[in-house]
Amino acid sequence: MKYEIVGIFVCILLLATAVPTVKSLDNGTIMTTPSNPSELRQAFIFGRYTNLTAQGEYLIIESVNLWVIYKEPRSFDHFSPGTLVTFEMYSAYGHMFKKIDLLFLHVELVV
């Protein structure tokens, strides 16, 4: 029964992330964009982050304890603390809780 409740809670969280919440952020910095689309991979990321910065159409966060599930090819990975993670802000769907530095996002990661 306990695992069913946890499973239902996780499903509700996943459904709640279908609303885009990442808005345009700009701090005047410049970033080089990927040279081709193969450098972008669709993924679902969740966990704790710090140091959110925007560069052009990309957001960069520093991992505290981030996990990623890649879509194609399917794989699961963990970003170690201090790893910089870059993704397109306009393709991100989900929630970023800035006050507690927690996120649940479907993104296109720059790899």
Protein backbone atom coordinates (compact mmCIF):
# COMPACT_ATOMS: atom_id res chain seq x y z
CA MET A 1 0.00 0.00 0.00
CA LYS A 2 2.86 2.37 0.86
CA TYR A 3 4.49 1.88 -2.57
CA GLU A 4 1.16 2.43 -4.35
CA ILE A 5 0.79 5.81 -2.65
CA VAL A 6 4.36 6.76 -3.58
CA GLY A 7 3.70 5.65 -7.18
CA ILE A 8 0.53 7.74 -7.38
CA PHE A 9 2.38 10.76 -5.96
CA VAL A 10 5.18 10.40 -8.54
CA CYS A 11 2.61 10.12 -11.36
CA ILE A 12 0.89 13.29 -10.16
CA LEU A 13 4.23 15.11 -10.11
CA LEU A 14 5.00 13.94 -13.64
CA LEU A 15 1.59 15.08 -14.90
CA ALA A 16 1.96 18.45 -13.17
CA THR A 17 5.17 19.14 -15.08
CA ALA A 18 3.34 19.36 -18.41
CA VAL A 19 2.94 23.13 -18.03
CA PRO A 20 5.77 25.34 -19.28
CA THR A 21 7.13 27.44 -16.43
CA VAL A 22 10.55 28.53 -17.64
CA LYS A 23 10.35 32.11 -18.86
CA SER A 24 12.90 34.22 -20.66
CA LEU A 25 15.82 35.07 -18.42
CA ASP A 26 18.55 37.39 -19.59
CA ASN A 27 21.55 38.67 -17.69
CA GLY A 28 23.37 40.11 -20.70
CA THR A 29 25.89 37.30 -21.12
CA ILE A 30 26.88 35.74 -24.44
CA MET A 31 27.06 32.04 -25.27
CA THR A 32 27.97 30.07 -28.38
CA THR A 33 25.04 28.00 -29.61
CA PRO A 34 25.49 24.33 -30.58
CA SER A 35 26.70 23.93 -34.17
CA ASN A 36 24.19 21.21 -35.04
CA PRO A 37 21.00 19.67 -33.60
CA SER A 38 22.76 16.38 -32.79
CA GLU A 39 24.33 18.15 -29.80
CA LEU A 40 20.86 18.40 -28.21
CA ARG A 41 19.29 15.41 -26.45
CA GLN A 42 15.78 15.25 -25.07
CA ALA A 43 15.74 14.33 -21.42
CA PHE A 44 13.89 14.59 -18.13
CA ILE A 45 15.97 16.10 -15.31
CA PHE A 46 15.10 16.33 -11.64
CA GLY A 47 16.85 17.13 -8.39
CA ARG A 48 18.66 20.01 -6.70
CA TYR A 49 20.64 22.71 -8.48
CA THR A 50 22.30 26.06 -7.77
CA ASN A 51 23.62 29.08 -9.72
CA LEU A 52 20.96 29.54 -12.41
CA THR A 53 22.25 31.73 -15.26
CA ALA A 54 20.90 32.55 -18.72
CA GLN A 55 22.97 32.91 -21.86
CA GLY A 56 20.96 33.69 -24.96
CA GLU A 57 18.30 31.02 -25.37
CA TYR A 58 20.06 28.64 -22.96
CA LEU A 59 19.91 28.19 -19.20
CA ILE A 60 22.91 26.95 -17.27
CA ILE A 61 22.58 25.43 -13.82
CA GLU A 62 25.17 23.94 -11.51
CA SER A 63 24.31 20.48 -10.26
CA VAL A 64 24.00 19.80 -6.54
CA ASN A 65 22.24 16.43 -6.91
CA LEU A 66 20.70 16.13 -10.40
CA TRP A 67 19.48 13.01 -12.14
CA VAL A 68 18.71 12.70 -15.85
CA ILE A 69 16.71 10.23 -17.94
CA TYR A 70 17.59 10.51 -21.65
CA LYS A 71 14.95 9.61 -24.24
CA GLU A 72 17.01 8.44 -27.25
CA PRO A 73 18.91 6.22 -26.66
CA ARG A 74 17.32 5.45 -23.31
CA SER A 75 19.70 5.90 -20.42
CA PHE A 76 19.77 7.10 -16.82
CA ASP A 77 22.58 9.19 -15.37
CA HIS A 78 23.59 11.30 -12.38
CA PHE A 79 25.33 14.69 -12.57
CA SER A 80 27.93 14.96 -9.85
CA PRO A 81 27.99 18.12 -7.68
CA GLY A 82 29.49 21.09 -9.52
CA THR A 83 28.66 19.81 -13.03
CA LEU A 84 27.34 22.57 -15.31
CA VAL A 85 24.16 21.55 -17.14
CA THR A 86 23.02 23.54 -20.19
CA PHE A 87 19.58 23.33 -21.80
CA GLU A 88 17.33 25.31 -24.13
CA MET A 89 14.99 27.48 -22.06
CA TYR A 90 12.24 27.59 -24.70
CA SER A 91 12.00 23.80 -24.92
CA ALA A 92 11.79 23.27 -21.14
CA TYR A 93 8.53 22.10 -19.59
CA GLY A 94 8.08 21.54 -15.89
CA HIS A 95 8.77 23.32 -12.65
CA MET A 96 11.78 25.14 -11.26
CA PHE A 97 11.42 26.02 -7.60
CA LYS A 98 13.90 28.88 -7.21
CA LYS A 99 13.47 29.36 -3.45
CA ILE A 100 14.50 25.78 -2.67
CA ASP A 101 16.60 25.20 -5.85
CA LEU A 102 14.65 22.12 -6.94
CA LEU A 103 13.51 21.25 -10.46
CA PHE A 104 11.49 18.73 -12.46
CA LEU A 105 11.91 19.49 -16.18
CA HIS A 106 11.57 17.93 -19.61
CA VAL A 107 14.35 19.63 -21.59
CA GLU A 108 16.68 19.45 -24.56
CA LEU A 109 20.11 19.13 -22.95
CA VAL A 110 23.26 20.34 -24.67
CA VAL A 111 25.68 17.40 -24.63
